[in-house]
N, C-alpha and C. Protein backbone atom coordinates (compact mmCIF):
# COMPACT_ATOMS: atom_id res chain seq x y z
N UNK A 1 -27.63 -3.19 6.27
CA UNK A 1 -26.83 -2.24 7.00
C UNK A 1 -25.78 -2.95 7.85
N UNK A 2 -26.14 -4.13 8.37
CA UNK A 2 -25.21 -4.87 9.20
C UNK A 2 -24.01 -5.35 8.40
N UNK A 3 -24.23 -5.67 7.09
CA UNK A 3 -23.12 -6.08 6.24
C UNK A 3 -22.11 -4.95 6.10
N UNK A 4 -22.58 -3.72 5.93
CA UNK A 4 -21.67 -2.59 5.81
C UNK A 4 -20.89 -2.41 7.10
N UNK A 5 -21.54 -2.60 8.21
CA UNK A 5 -20.86 -2.47 9.49
C UNK A 5 -19.76 -3.53 9.59
N UNK A 6 -20.07 -4.75 9.18
CA UNK A 6 -19.08 -5.83 9.20
C UNK A 6 -17.96 -5.52 8.22
N UNK A 7 -18.31 -5.03 7.03
CA UNK A 7 -17.31 -4.67 6.03
C UNK A 7 -16.42 -3.55 6.55
N UNK A 8 -17.02 -2.56 7.16
CA UNK A 8 -16.26 -1.44 7.71
C UNK A 8 -15.28 -1.93 8.77
N UNK A 9 -15.74 -2.82 9.64
CA UNK A 9 -14.85 -3.37 10.67
C UNK A 9 -13.71 -4.17 10.06
N UNK A 10 -14.01 -4.94 9.02
CA UNK A 10 -13.00 -5.75 8.36
C UNK A 10 -11.95 -4.87 7.70
N UNK A 11 -12.40 -3.85 6.98
CA UNK A 11 -11.47 -2.94 6.30
C UNK A 11 -10.62 -2.19 7.33
N UNK A 12 -11.24 -1.77 8.41
CA UNK A 12 -10.50 -1.07 9.47
C UNK A 12 -9.43 -1.97 10.07
N UNK A 13 -9.77 -3.22 10.30
CA UNK A 13 -8.80 -4.17 10.85
C UNK A 13 -7.65 -4.41 9.86
N UNK A 14 -7.99 -4.57 8.59
CA UNK A 14 -6.94 -4.75 7.58
C UNK A 14 -6.03 -3.54 7.53
N UNK A 15 -6.61 -2.35 7.60
CA UNK A 15 -5.82 -1.13 7.57
C UNK A 15 -4.90 -1.05 8.79
N UNK A 16 -5.43 -1.41 9.94
CA UNK A 16 -4.64 -1.34 11.18
C UNK A 16 -3.50 -2.34 11.17
N UNK A 17 -3.74 -3.53 10.67
CA UNK A 17 -2.74 -4.59 10.72
C UNK A 17 -1.93 -4.73 9.44
N UNK A 18 -2.19 -3.89 8.44
CA UNK A 18 -1.49 -4.04 7.16
C UNK A 18 0.02 -3.91 7.26
N UNK A 19 0.58 -3.00 8.08
CA UNK A 19 2.04 -2.98 8.19
C UNK A 19 2.60 -4.30 8.71
N UNK A 20 1.94 -4.87 9.71
CA UNK A 20 2.39 -6.15 10.27
C UNK A 20 2.24 -7.27 9.24
N UNK A 21 1.16 -7.22 8.47
CA UNK A 21 0.93 -8.21 7.43
C UNK A 21 2.03 -8.15 6.36
N UNK A 22 2.37 -6.94 5.92
CA UNK A 22 3.42 -6.79 4.91
C UNK A 22 4.78 -7.23 5.44
N UNK A 23 5.09 -6.85 6.68
CA UNK A 23 6.37 -7.25 7.27
C UNK A 23 6.42 -8.77 7.41
N UNK A 24 5.35 -9.37 7.90
CA UNK A 24 5.30 -10.82 8.05
C UNK A 24 5.48 -11.55 6.73
N UNK A 25 4.76 -11.12 5.72
CA UNK A 25 4.88 -11.75 4.39
C UNK A 25 6.29 -11.56 3.83
N UNK A 26 6.86 -10.38 4.04
CA UNK A 26 8.21 -10.11 3.56
C UNK A 26 9.24 -11.01 4.23
N UNK A 27 9.10 -11.17 5.55
CA UNK A 27 10.05 -12.01 6.27
C UNK A 27 9.92 -13.47 5.84
N UNK A 28 8.70 -13.94 5.66
CA UNK A 28 8.49 -15.31 5.18
C UNK A 28 9.14 -15.49 3.81
N UNK A 29 8.93 -14.50 2.92
CA UNK A 29 9.52 -14.56 1.59
C UNK A 29 11.04 -14.57 1.68
N UNK A 30 11.61 -13.70 2.53
CA UNK A 30 13.06 -13.63 2.68
C UNK A 30 13.62 -14.95 3.21
N UNK A 31 12.97 -15.51 4.23
CA UNK A 31 13.44 -16.78 4.79
C UNK A 31 13.31 -17.92 3.79
N UNK A 32 12.27 -17.89 2.99
CA UNK A 32 12.05 -18.94 2.00
C UNK A 32 13.05 -18.84 0.85
N UNK A 33 13.22 -17.63 0.33
CA UNK A 33 14.05 -17.45 -0.87
C UNK A 33 15.54 -17.29 -0.56
N UNK A 34 15.86 -16.56 0.49
CA UNK A 34 17.25 -16.28 0.85
C UNK A 34 18.06 -15.84 -0.36
N UNK A 35 17.55 -14.80 -1.02
CA UNK A 35 18.20 -14.31 -2.22
C UNK A 35 18.41 -12.80 -2.14
N UNK A 36 19.26 -12.31 -3.02
CA UNK A 36 19.48 -10.87 -3.11
C UNK A 36 18.18 -10.15 -3.46
N UNK A 37 17.40 -10.72 -4.37
CA UNK A 37 16.15 -10.10 -4.79
C UNK A 37 15.18 -9.95 -3.62
N UNK A 38 15.09 -10.99 -2.80
CA UNK A 38 14.19 -10.93 -1.65
C UNK A 38 14.65 -9.86 -0.66
N UNK A 39 15.94 -9.83 -0.39
CA UNK A 39 16.49 -8.81 0.51
C UNK A 39 16.30 -7.41 -0.02
N UNK A 40 16.53 -7.24 -1.32
CA UNK A 40 16.39 -5.89 -1.90
C UNK A 40 14.92 -5.45 -1.92
N UNK A 41 14.00 -6.39 -2.05
CA UNK A 41 12.58 -6.06 -1.99
C UNK A 41 12.24 -5.46 -0.62
N UNK A 42 12.75 -6.06 0.44
CA UNK A 42 12.48 -5.59 1.79
C UNK A 42 13.19 -4.26 2.06
N UNK A 43 14.43 -4.13 1.64
CA UNK A 43 15.15 -2.87 1.83
C UNK A 43 14.43 -1.74 1.10
N UNK A 44 13.99 -1.99 -0.12
CA UNK A 44 13.25 -0.98 -0.88
C UNK A 44 11.98 -0.57 -0.18
N UNK A 45 11.29 -1.54 0.41
CA UNK A 45 10.06 -1.24 1.15
C UNK A 45 10.34 -0.34 2.34
N UNK A 46 11.37 -0.69 3.11
CA UNK A 46 11.73 0.11 4.27
C UNK A 46 12.14 1.53 3.86
N UNK A 47 12.89 1.65 2.77
CA UNK A 47 13.30 2.97 2.29
C UNK A 47 12.09 3.79 1.82
N UNK A 48 11.15 3.15 1.13
CA UNK A 48 10.00 3.90 0.62
C UNK A 48 9.13 4.41 1.76
N UNK A 49 8.90 3.58 2.77
CA UNK A 49 8.08 4.00 3.92
C UNK A 49 8.83 5.05 4.75
N UNK A 50 10.14 4.88 4.90
CA UNK A 50 10.93 5.88 5.63
C UNK A 50 10.88 7.23 4.94
N UNK A 51 11.00 7.21 3.61
CA UNK A 51 10.90 8.45 2.85
C UNK A 51 9.51 9.07 3.03
N UNK A 52 8.48 8.23 3.01
CA UNK A 52 7.11 8.71 3.22
C UNK A 52 6.94 9.36 4.58
N UNK A 53 7.55 8.77 5.61
CA UNK A 53 7.47 9.35 6.96
C UNK A 53 8.20 10.68 7.03
N UNK A 54 9.31 10.81 6.31
CA UNK A 54 10.04 12.07 6.25
C UNK A 54 9.20 13.14 5.57
N UNK A 55 8.57 12.79 4.45
CA UNK A 55 7.70 13.73 3.75
C UNK A 55 6.52 14.11 4.64
N UNK A 56 5.95 13.13 5.35
CA UNK A 56 4.83 13.37 6.25
C UNK A 56 5.20 14.38 7.33
N UNK A 57 6.37 14.20 7.92
CA UNK A 57 6.83 15.11 8.98
C UNK A 57 7.11 16.51 8.41
N UNK A 58 7.62 16.57 7.18
CA UNK A 58 7.93 17.84 6.56
C UNK A 58 6.66 18.61 6.19
N UNK A 59 5.69 17.93 5.59
CA UNK A 59 4.46 18.58 5.16
C UNK A 59 3.56 18.92 6.34
N UNK A 60 3.51 18.04 7.32
CA UNK A 60 2.71 18.23 8.54
C UNK A 60 1.24 18.57 8.24
N UNK A 61 0.65 17.81 7.31
CA UNK A 61 -0.76 18.02 6.95
C UNK A 61 -1.62 17.18 7.90
N UNK A 62 -2.59 17.82 8.57
CA UNK A 62 -3.40 17.07 9.53
C UNK A 62 -4.29 16.03 8.85
N UNK A 63 -4.68 15.04 9.62
CA UNK A 63 -5.62 14.03 9.15
C UNK A 63 -7.03 14.63 9.14
N UNK A 64 -7.97 13.93 8.51
CA UNK A 64 -9.36 14.40 8.56
C UNK A 64 -9.85 14.48 10.00
N UNK A 65 -10.81 15.34 10.26
CA UNK A 65 -11.32 15.52 11.62
C UNK A 65 -11.94 14.25 12.18
N UNK A 66 -12.29 13.31 11.33
CA UNK A 66 -12.89 12.04 11.79
C UNK A 66 -11.85 11.04 12.28
N UNK A 67 -10.56 11.32 12.06
CA UNK A 67 -9.52 10.39 12.45
C UNK A 67 -9.32 10.37 13.96
N UNK A 68 -9.00 9.20 14.47
CA UNK A 68 -8.70 9.06 15.90
C UNK A 68 -7.23 9.34 16.18
N UNK A 69 -6.42 9.44 15.11
CA UNK A 69 -4.99 9.67 15.27
C UNK A 69 -4.70 11.17 15.21
N UNK A 70 -3.66 11.59 15.91
CA UNK A 70 -3.30 13.01 15.91
C UNK A 70 -2.06 13.30 15.07
N UNK A 71 -1.39 12.25 14.59
CA UNK A 71 -0.20 12.45 13.77
C UNK A 71 -0.59 12.96 12.38
N UNK A 72 0.36 13.57 11.65
CA UNK A 72 0.05 14.04 10.29
C UNK A 72 -0.43 12.89 9.40
N UNK A 73 -1.20 13.23 8.38
CA UNK A 73 -1.78 12.19 7.53
C UNK A 73 -1.30 12.16 6.09
N UNK A 74 -0.52 13.14 5.67
CA UNK A 74 -0.10 13.24 4.26
C UNK A 74 1.39 13.05 4.14
N UNK A 75 1.86 12.09 3.35
CA UNK A 75 1.13 11.07 2.60
C UNK A 75 0.82 9.85 3.47
N UNK A 76 -0.07 9.02 2.97
CA UNK A 76 -0.42 7.79 3.68
C UNK A 76 0.71 6.77 3.52
N UNK A 77 1.34 6.42 4.63
CA UNK A 77 2.41 5.41 4.53
C UNK A 77 1.84 4.01 4.27
N UNK A 78 0.57 3.79 4.64
CA UNK A 78 -0.07 2.52 4.26
C UNK A 78 -0.15 2.42 2.74
N UNK A 79 -0.57 3.51 2.11
CA UNK A 79 -0.68 3.52 0.64
C UNK A 79 0.70 3.36 0.00
N UNK A 80 1.71 3.99 0.58
CA UNK A 80 3.07 3.85 0.04
C UNK A 80 3.50 2.39 0.10
N UNK A 81 3.31 1.76 1.25
CA UNK A 81 3.76 0.37 1.42
C UNK A 81 3.03 -0.58 0.47
N UNK A 82 1.70 -0.48 0.41
CA UNK A 82 0.94 -1.38 -0.46
C UNK A 82 1.26 -1.15 -1.94
N UNK A 83 1.40 0.11 -2.32
CA UNK A 83 1.71 0.42 -3.73
C UNK A 83 3.11 -0.07 -4.07
N UNK A 84 4.04 0.13 -3.14
CA UNK A 84 5.41 -0.36 -3.36
C UNK A 84 5.40 -1.86 -3.66
N UNK A 85 4.72 -2.63 -2.81
CA UNK A 85 4.71 -4.07 -3.00
C UNK A 85 4.00 -4.48 -4.29
N UNK A 86 2.90 -3.82 -4.61
CA UNK A 86 2.19 -4.16 -5.85
C UNK A 86 3.08 -3.90 -7.07
N UNK A 87 3.73 -2.76 -7.11
CA UNK A 87 4.58 -2.42 -8.25
C UNK A 87 5.84 -3.28 -8.25
N UNK A 88 6.41 -3.54 -7.07
CA UNK A 88 7.62 -4.36 -7.01
C UNK A 88 7.37 -5.77 -7.51
N UNK A 89 6.23 -6.34 -7.13
CA UNK A 89 5.91 -7.70 -7.59
C UNK A 89 5.72 -7.71 -9.10
N UNK A 90 5.04 -6.71 -9.62
CA UNK A 90 4.84 -6.67 -11.07
C UNK A 90 6.13 -6.32 -11.80
N UNK A 91 7.00 -5.55 -11.18
CA UNK A 91 8.30 -5.27 -11.78
C UNK A 91 9.14 -6.55 -11.84
N UNK A 92 8.98 -7.39 -10.84
CA UNK A 92 9.66 -8.69 -10.86
C UNK A 92 9.17 -9.50 -12.06
N UNK A 93 7.86 -9.45 -12.31
CA UNK A 93 7.31 -10.14 -13.48
C UNK A 93 7.87 -9.54 -14.76
N UNK A 94 8.04 -8.20 -14.75
CA UNK A 94 8.59 -7.53 -15.94
C UNK A 94 10.01 -8.01 -16.18
N UNK A 95 10.79 -8.14 -15.09
CA UNK A 95 12.17 -8.61 -15.23
C UNK A 95 12.23 -10.05 -15.71
N UNK A 96 11.15 -10.79 -15.51
CA UNK A 96 11.07 -12.16 -16.03
C UNK A 96 10.43 -12.20 -17.41
N UNK A 97 10.38 -11.05 -18.03
CA UNK A 97 9.89 -10.90 -19.42
C UNK A 97 8.39 -11.13 -19.57
N UNK A 98 7.63 -10.91 -18.50
CA UNK A 98 6.18 -11.06 -18.57
C UNK A 98 5.49 -9.74 -18.93
N UNK A 99 6.08 -8.61 -18.54
CA UNK A 99 5.51 -7.30 -18.80
C UNK A 99 6.61 -6.29 -19.07
N UNK A 100 6.26 -5.22 -19.80
CA UNK A 100 7.18 -4.09 -19.96
C UNK A 100 6.95 -3.13 -18.80
N UNK A 101 7.86 -2.21 -18.58
CA UNK A 101 7.70 -1.21 -17.52
C UNK A 101 6.45 -0.38 -17.78
N UNK A 102 6.20 -0.03 -19.03
CA UNK A 102 5.00 0.75 -19.36
C UNK A 102 3.74 -0.01 -18.99
N UNK A 103 3.71 -1.31 -19.24
CA UNK A 103 2.54 -2.12 -18.88
C UNK A 103 2.31 -2.13 -17.38
N UNK A 104 3.39 -2.21 -16.61
CA UNK A 104 3.28 -2.19 -15.15
C UNK A 104 2.76 -0.83 -14.68
N UNK A 105 3.33 0.26 -15.20
CA UNK A 105 2.91 1.60 -14.78
C UNK A 105 1.47 1.90 -15.16
N UNK A 106 1.08 1.55 -16.38
CA UNK A 106 -0.30 1.80 -16.81
C UNK A 106 -1.27 0.94 -16.01
N UNK A 107 -0.94 -0.32 -15.80
CA UNK A 107 -1.81 -1.19 -15.01
C UNK A 107 -1.96 -0.68 -13.59
N UNK A 108 -0.87 -0.25 -12.98
CA UNK A 108 -0.93 0.30 -11.63
C UNK A 108 -1.75 1.57 -11.55
N UNK A 109 -1.59 2.43 -12.54
CA UNK A 109 -2.35 3.68 -12.58
C UNK A 109 -3.84 3.42 -12.75
N UNK A 110 -4.18 2.51 -13.65
CA UNK A 110 -5.60 2.17 -13.85
C UNK A 110 -6.18 1.56 -12.57
N UNK A 111 -5.45 0.65 -11.96
CA UNK A 111 -5.93 0.02 -10.73
C UNK A 111 -6.15 1.04 -9.62
N UNK A 112 -5.20 1.95 -9.43
CA UNK A 112 -5.33 2.98 -8.39
C UNK A 112 -6.48 3.93 -8.69
N UNK A 113 -6.59 4.37 -9.93
CA UNK A 113 -7.67 5.29 -10.31
C UNK A 113 -9.03 4.62 -10.15
N UNK A 114 -9.13 3.36 -10.55
CA UNK A 114 -10.40 2.65 -10.42
C UNK A 114 -10.77 2.49 -8.94
N UNK A 115 -9.80 2.11 -8.12
CA UNK A 115 -10.08 1.93 -6.69
C UNK A 115 -10.56 3.23 -6.05
N UNK A 116 -9.89 4.33 -6.34
CA UNK A 116 -10.28 5.62 -5.77
C UNK A 116 -11.66 6.05 -6.25
N UNK A 117 -11.91 5.92 -7.54
CA UNK A 117 -13.21 6.32 -8.08
C UNK A 117 -14.33 5.41 -7.61
N UNK A 118 -14.07 4.11 -7.56
CA UNK A 118 -15.11 3.18 -7.13
C UNK A 118 -15.51 3.45 -5.68
N UNK A 119 -14.53 3.67 -4.79
CA UNK A 119 -14.89 3.92 -3.40
C UNK A 119 -15.69 5.20 -3.25
N UNK A 120 -15.39 6.21 -4.07
CA UNK A 120 -16.18 7.45 -4.04
C UNK A 120 -17.59 7.21 -4.58
N UNK A 121 -17.70 6.52 -5.69
CA UNK A 121 -18.99 6.22 -6.31
C UNK A 121 -19.83 5.34 -5.40
N UNK A 122 -19.22 4.34 -4.82
CA UNK A 122 -19.92 3.42 -3.91
C UNK A 122 -20.54 4.20 -2.73
N UNK A 123 -19.77 5.17 -2.23
CA UNK A 123 -20.26 5.98 -1.13
C UNK A 123 -21.48 6.81 -1.49
N UNK A 124 -21.60 7.21 -2.75
CA UNK A 124 -22.76 8.00 -3.16
C UNK A 124 -23.95 7.12 -3.57
N UNK A 125 -23.67 5.90 -4.01
CA UNK A 125 -24.74 5.00 -4.47
C UNK A 125 -25.38 4.21 -3.34
N UNK A 126 -24.59 3.83 -2.36
CA UNK A 126 -25.09 2.93 -1.33
C UNK A 126 -25.14 3.67 -0.04
């Protein structure tokens, strides 16, 4: 039981600090690469999260009653940011002839579906 408590704390900390982690990694990448691609990756990220915040304000769907936050919860801007980076990185690989767009989309869909289903199943099994 103590492991789950530690895991829960770790996941909560990652969730809380994930925006800072993504921004930090993006800035390091931008400073290292100093390229149009690096800059466009960051601009795309900012646009995707900004759009998510606009949708969130428009929909005004409350968070679950267990949340400590009072702001709307739909859509999750954390999920938008992480998904954006995962797909953007794989799209970069596609542009380098490593994958087709279909391969990136199917891989991302399978990964997201598996993650969602596994967390639900894990909750019922353990």
